[in-house]
C-alpha atoms as a PDB file:
ATOM      1  CA  MET A   1     114.152  97.416 118.755  1.00  0.00           C
ATOM      2  CA  LYS A   2     115.175  99.193 115.552  1.00  0.00           C
ATOM      3  CA  ILE A   3     112.417 101.592 114.483  1.00  0.00           C
ATOM      4  CA  VAL A   4     112.111 103.721 111.358  1.00  0.00           C
ATOM      5  CA  ILE A   5     109.965 106.849 111.718  1.00  0.00           C
ATOM      6  CA  THR A   6     108.721 108.991 108.834  1.00  0.00           C
ATOM      7  CA  GLY A   7     107.999 112.648 109.463  1.00  0.00           C
ATOM      8  CA  ALA A   8     110.559 112.641 112.269  1.00  0.00           C
ATOM      9  CA  LYS A   9     111.164 116.412 111.914  1.00  0.00           C
ATOM     10  CA  GLY A  10     107.475 117.127 112.393  1.00  0.00           C
ATOM     11  CA  LEU A  11     105.604 117.834 115.620  1.00  0.00           C
ATOM     12  CA  VAL A  12     104.218 114.340 116.140  1.00  0.00           C
ATOM     13  CA  GLY A  13     106.940 112.289 114.419  1.00  0.00           C
ATOM     14  CA  GLY A  14     109.633 114.233 116.268  1.00  0.00           C
ATOM     15  CA  ALA A  15     107.992 113.609 119.636  1.00  0.00           C
ATOM     16  CA  ILE A  16     107.644 109.903 118.835  1.00  0.00           C
ATOM     17  CA  ALA A  17     111.302 109.689 117.769  1.00  0.00           C
ATOM     18  CA  GLN A  18     112.454 111.382 120.994  1.00  0.00           C
ATOM     19  CA  ALA A  19     110.326 109.072 123.133  1.00  0.00           C
ATOM     20  CA  ALA A  20     111.535 105.960 121.286  1.00  0.00           C
ATOM     21  CA  GLU A  21     115.180 106.995 121.701  1.00  0.00           C
ATOM     22  CA  ALA A  22     114.638 107.803 125.376  1.00  0.00           C
ATOM     23  CA  ALA A  23     113.216 104.287 125.795  1.00  0.00           C
ATOM     24  CA  GLY A  24     116.443 102.852 124.361  1.00  0.00           C
ATOM     25  CA  HIS A  25     115.301 102.046 120.822  1.00  0.00           C
ATOM     26  CA  ALA A  26     117.524 102.624 117.795  1.00  0.00           C
ATOM     27  CA  VAL A  27     115.693 105.132 115.583  1.00  0.00           C
ATOM     28  CA  THR A  28     116.135 105.858 111.898  1.00  0.00           C
ATOM     29  CA  ARG A  29     114.523 109.183 111.021  1.00  0.00           C
ATOM     30  CA  LEU A  30     113.087 109.585 107.522  1.00  0.00           C
ATOM     31  CA  SER A  31     112.331 113.252 106.879  1.00  0.00           C
ATOM     32  CA  ARG A  32     112.777 115.945 104.302  1.00  0.00           C
ATOM     33  CA  PRO A  33     114.983 116.833 102.533  1.00  0.00           C
ATOM     34  CA  ASP A  34     116.346 113.263 102.317  1.00  0.00           C
ATOM     35  CA  TYR A  35     113.002 111.407 102.291  1.00  0.00           C
ATOM     36  CA  HIS A  36     109.776 112.279 100.488  1.00  0.00           C
ATOM     37  CA  LEU A  37     106.484 110.399 100.452  1.00  0.00           C
ATOM     38  CA  GLY A  38     106.653 108.189  97.385  1.00  0.00           C
ATOM     39  CA  ASP A  39     110.261 107.136  97.957  1.00  0.00           C
ATOM     40  CA  ARG A  40     110.784 103.407  98.471  1.00  0.00           C
ATOM     41  CA  PRO A  41     113.503 103.282 101.139  1.00  0.00           C
ATOM     42  CA  ASP A  42     115.415 100.109 101.938  1.00  0.00           C
ATOM     43  CA  LEU A  43     114.142  99.264 105.406  1.00  0.00           C
ATOM     44  CA  ARG A  44     115.912  95.928 105.861  1.00  0.00           C
ATOM     45  CA  GLY A  45     117.033  95.366 109.423  1.00  0.00           C
ATOM     46  CA  HIS A  46     114.231  97.428 110.970  1.00  0.00           C
ATOM     47  CA  ASP A  47     111.749  95.819 113.335  1.00  0.00           C
ATOM     48  CA  ALA A  48     109.041  98.459 113.113  1.00  0.00           C
ATOM     49  CA  LEU A  49     107.786 101.366 111.008  1.00  0.00           C
ATOM     50  CA  ILE A  50     105.940 104.368 112.414  1.00  0.00           C
ATOM     51  CA  HIS A  51     104.476 106.387 109.551  1.00  0.00           C
ATOM     52  CA  ALA A  52     103.914 109.957 110.763  1.00  0.00           C
ATOM     53  CA  ALA A  53     104.736 111.833 107.537  1.00  0.00           C
ATOM     54  CA  PHE A  54     102.015 113.962 105.968  1.00  0.00           C
ATOM     55  CA  SER A  55     102.549 116.136 102.911  1.00  0.00           C
ATOM     56  CA  HIS A  56     100.658 119.417 103.163  1.00  0.00           C
ATOM     57  CA  VAL A  57     100.909 123.135 102.537  1.00  0.00           C
ATOM     58  CA  PRO A  58     103.274 124.410 105.275  1.00  0.00           C
ATOM     59  CA  GLY A  59     101.400 125.523 108.389  1.00  0.00           C
ATOM     60  CA  ARG A  60      98.046 124.135 107.231  1.00  0.00           C
ATOM     61  CA  TYR A  61      96.566 120.772 108.086  1.00  0.00           C
ATOM     62  CA  ARG A  62      92.921 121.527 107.372  1.00  0.00           C
ATOM     63  CA  GLY A  63      93.049 122.837 103.843  1.00  0.00           C
ATOM     64  CA  GLY A  64      96.548 121.387 103.558  1.00  0.00           C
ATOM     65  CA  GLU A  65      95.900 120.417  99.959  1.00  0.00           C
ATOM     66  CA  GLY A  66      96.090 124.092  98.988  1.00  0.00           C
ATOM     67  CA  ASP A  67      95.436 124.608  95.283  1.00  0.00           C
ATOM     68  CA  ASP A  68      96.457 121.061  94.319  1.00  0.00           C
ATOM     69  CA  PRO A  69      94.084 118.438  95.780  1.00  0.00           C
ATOM     70  CA  GLN A  70      95.194 115.824  93.219  1.00  0.00           C
ATOM     71  CA  GLY A  71      98.857 116.342  94.152  1.00  0.00           C
ATOM     72  CA  PHE A  72      97.908 116.157  97.838  1.00  0.00           C
ATOM     73  CA  LEU A  73      96.202 112.803  97.306  1.00  0.00           C
ATOM     74  CA  ARG A  74      99.004 111.491  95.112  1.00  0.00           C
ATOM     75  CA  ASP A  75     101.708 112.412  97.606  1.00  0.00           C
ATOM     76  CA  ASN A  76      99.866 111.156 100.678  1.00  0.00           C
ATOM     77  CA  LEU A  77      97.966 108.157  99.355  1.00  0.00           C
ATOM     78  CA  GLU A  78     100.350 106.741  96.767  1.00  0.00           C
ATOM     79  CA  GLY A  79     103.366 107.789  98.828  1.00  0.00           C
ATOM     80  CA  SER A  80     102.083 105.983 101.921  1.00  0.00           C
ATOM     81  CA  VAL A  81     101.212 102.839  99.981  1.00  0.00           C
ATOM     82  CA  ALA A  82     104.720 102.823  98.417  1.00  0.00           C
ATOM     83  CA  LEU A  83     106.230 103.138 101.907  1.00  0.00           C
ATOM     84  CA  PHE A  84     104.147 100.262 103.287  1.00  0.00           C
ATOM     85  CA  GLU A  85     105.052  98.079 100.318  1.00  0.00           C
ATOM     86  CA  ALA A  86     108.755  98.859 100.840  1.00  0.00           C
ATOM     87  CA  ALA A  87     108.403  97.958 104.530  1.00  0.00           C
ATOM     88  CA  ARG A  88     106.684  94.675 103.726  1.00  0.00           C
ATOM     89  CA  GLU A  89     109.278  93.790 101.083  1.00  0.00           C
ATOM     90  CA  SER A  90     112.073  94.621 103.561  1.00  0.00           C
ATOM     91  CA  GLY A  91     110.612  92.331 106.216  1.00  0.00           C
ATOM     92  CA  VAL A  92     109.525  95.019 108.683  1.00  0.00           C
ATOM     93  CA  GLY A  93     107.234  93.195 111.109  1.00  0.00           C
ATOM     94  CA  GLN A  94     105.326  95.937 112.921  1.00  0.00           C
ATOM     95  CA  VAL A  95     103.595  98.998 111.489  1.00  0.00           C
ATOM     96  CA  LEU A  96     101.887 101.992 113.066  1.00  0.00           C
ATOM     97  CA  PHE A  97     100.122 104.438 110.732  1.00  0.00           C
ATOM     98  CA  LEU A  98      99.191 107.855 112.106  1.00  0.00           C
ATOM     99  CA  SER A  99      95.988 108.967 110.458  1.00  0.00           C
ATOM    100  CA  SER A 100      93.556 111.650 111.620  1.00  0.00           C
ATOM    101  CA  ARG A 101      90.233 111.715 113.422  1.00  0.00           C
ATOM    102  CA  ALA A 102      89.208 113.996 110.551  1.00  0.00           C
ATOM    103  CA  VAL A 103      88.246 110.848 108.630  1.00  0.00           C
ATOM    104  CA  HIS A 104      85.156 110.843 110.884  1.00  0.00           C
ATOM    105  CA  ASP A 105      84.175 114.492 110.361  1.00  0.00           C
ATOM    106  CA  GLY A 106      80.464 115.174 110.310  1.00  0.00           C
ATOM    107  CA  HIS A 107      79.337 112.504 112.772  1.00  0.00           C
ATOM    108  CA  PRO A 108      77.572 113.745 115.911  1.00  0.00           C
ATOM    109  CA  GLU A 109      79.676 114.309 119.012  1.00  0.00           C
ATOM    110  CA  GLY A 110      79.899 111.199 121.173  1.00  0.00           C
ATOM    111  CA  SER A 111      79.141 108.813 118.284  1.00  0.00           C
ATOM    112  CA  PRO A 112      80.919 105.461 118.323  1.00  0.00           C
ATOM    113  CA  LEU A 113      83.524 105.461 115.542  1.00  0.00           C
ATOM    114  CA  PRO A 114      84.193 101.841 114.503  1.00  0.00           C
ATOM    115  CA  ASP A 115      86.460 101.177 111.518  1.00  0.00           C
ATOM    116  CA  ASP A 116      83.525 100.039 109.373  1.00  0.00           C
ATOM    117  CA  LEU A 117      81.586 103.286 109.912  1.00  0.00           C
ATOM    118  CA  PRO A 118      80.542 104.780 106.553  1.00  0.00           C
ATOM    119  CA  LEU A 119      82.695 107.809 105.840  1.00  0.00           C
ATOM    120  CA  ARG A 120      81.617 111.272 104.903  1.00  0.00           C
ATOM    121  CA  ARG A 121      83.400 112.486 101.779  1.00  0.00           C
ATOM    122  CA  SER A 122      86.389 114.762 102.445  1.00  0.00           C
ATOM    123  CA  ILE A 123      89.981 115.159 101.335  1.00  0.00           C
ATOM    124  CA  PHE A 124      91.063 113.385 104.547  1.00  0.00           C
ATOM    125  CA  THR A 125      88.888 110.320 103.986  1.00  0.00           C
ATOM    126  CA  ALA A 126      90.159 110.207 100.415  1.00  0.00           C
ATOM    127  CA  ARG A 127      93.687 109.875 101.822  1.00  0.00           C
ATOM    128  CA  SER A 128      93.538 107.967 105.087  1.00  0.00           C
ATOM    129  CA  LYS A 129      91.041 105.176 104.561  1.00  0.00           C
ATOM    130  CA  PRO A 130      92.421 104.093 101.157  1.00  0.00           C
ATOM    131  CA  VAL A 131      95.926 103.953 102.628  1.00  0.00           C
ATOM    132  CA  GLN A 132      94.708 101.339 105.117  1.00  0.00           C
ATOM    133  CA  ARG A 133      92.901  99.207 102.510  1.00  0.00           C
ATOM    134  CA  PRO A 134      96.058  98.063 100.689  1.00  0.00           C
ATOM    135  CA  LEU A 135      98.005  97.816 103.933  1.00  0.00           C
ATOM    136  CA  TRP A 136      95.890  95.502 106.058  1.00  0.00           C
ATOM    137  CA  PRO A 137      94.989  92.606 103.721  1.00  0.00           C
ATOM    138  CA  ARG A 138      98.487  92.204 102.265  1.00  0.00           C
ATOM    139  CA  TRP A 139     100.457  92.454 105.493  1.00  0.00           C
ATOM    140  CA  PRO A 140     101.301  89.127 107.160  1.00  0.00           C
ATOM    141  CA  ARG A 141      99.343  88.869 110.389  1.00  0.00           C
ATOM    142  CA  PRO A 142     101.024  86.472 112.788  1.00  0.00           C
ATOM    143  CA  PRO A 143     100.753  87.548 116.447  1.00  0.00           C
ATOM    144  CA  SER A 144     104.336  88.804 116.255  1.00  0.00           C
ATOM    145  CA  ALA A 145     103.575  91.224 113.396  1.00  0.00           C
ATOM    146  CA  PRO A 146     101.018  93.717 114.692  1.00  0.00           C
ATOM    147  CA  ARG A 147      99.779  96.642 112.667  1.00  0.00           C
ATOM    148  CA  ALA A 148      97.682  99.542 113.832  1.00  0.00           C
ATOM    149  CA  CYS A 149      96.202 102.843 112.760  1.00  0.00           C
ATOM    150  CA  VAL A 150      95.914 105.656 115.285  1.00  0.00           C
ATOM    151  CA  ARG A 151      93.703 108.706 114.676  1.00  0.00           C
ATOM    152  CA  PRO A 152      94.634 111.413 117.191  1.00  0.00           C
ATOM    153  CA  ALA A 153      92.103 114.197 117.589  1.00  0.00           C
ATOM    154  CA  PHE A 154      94.783 116.888 117.836  1.00  0.00           C
ATOM    155  CA  SER A 155      98.354 117.479 118.894  1.00  0.00           C
ATOM    156  CA  LEU A 156      99.785 120.497 120.605  1.00  0.00           C
ATOM    157  CA  PRO A 157     103.312 121.847 120.412  1.00  0.00           C
ATOM    158  CA  PRO A 158     105.118 121.985 123.778  1.00  0.00           C
ATOM    159  CA  SER A 159     104.575 125.760 123.971  1.00  0.00           C
ATOM    160  CA  ARG A 160     100.772 125.252 124.111  1.00  0.00           C
ATOM    161  CA  ARG A 161     100.516 122.396 126.639  1.00  0.00           C
ATOM    162  CA  ASN A 162     100.322 124.530 129.810  1.00  0.00           C
ATOM    163  CA  GLY A 163     102.894 122.412 131.596  1.00  0.00           C
ATOM    164  CA  ARG A 164     101.302 119.088 130.643  1.00  0.00           C
ATOM    165  CA  GLY A 165     103.285 116.405 128.774  1.00  0.00           C
END
């Protein structure tokens, strides 16, 4: 399978790229400085897109918008939508979008978190949920063209895993 991965120099995107290559997949890495959210890359010939890019103030995820929340939303929301549109136009059949469990902040611990759960207002919900709205209805949905959104709770760099993978 030929997979394109955004954010492939980041912690999560890099780990995904390594795992995909180790499994024998051909990987195209889209990362800075050559790729920025908002670019519309030509993705023809790719079977799948894994979108792991996230524009933020370096070293900060919570509060990653810094002093420019509008720029944060523009880069992440509009940039992600442009990427998904480019993938659809290029005929990419499978899409995985890495979001954040932060879209469910404020709900009591142990609460079920279905996709139709009303969201609490935050900078993360302003980015992640709207990205999915234009993606899902417009993407062809035959059984051979799956799409998914994953919301990991956290990710640890290898130095903090205490020997666990």
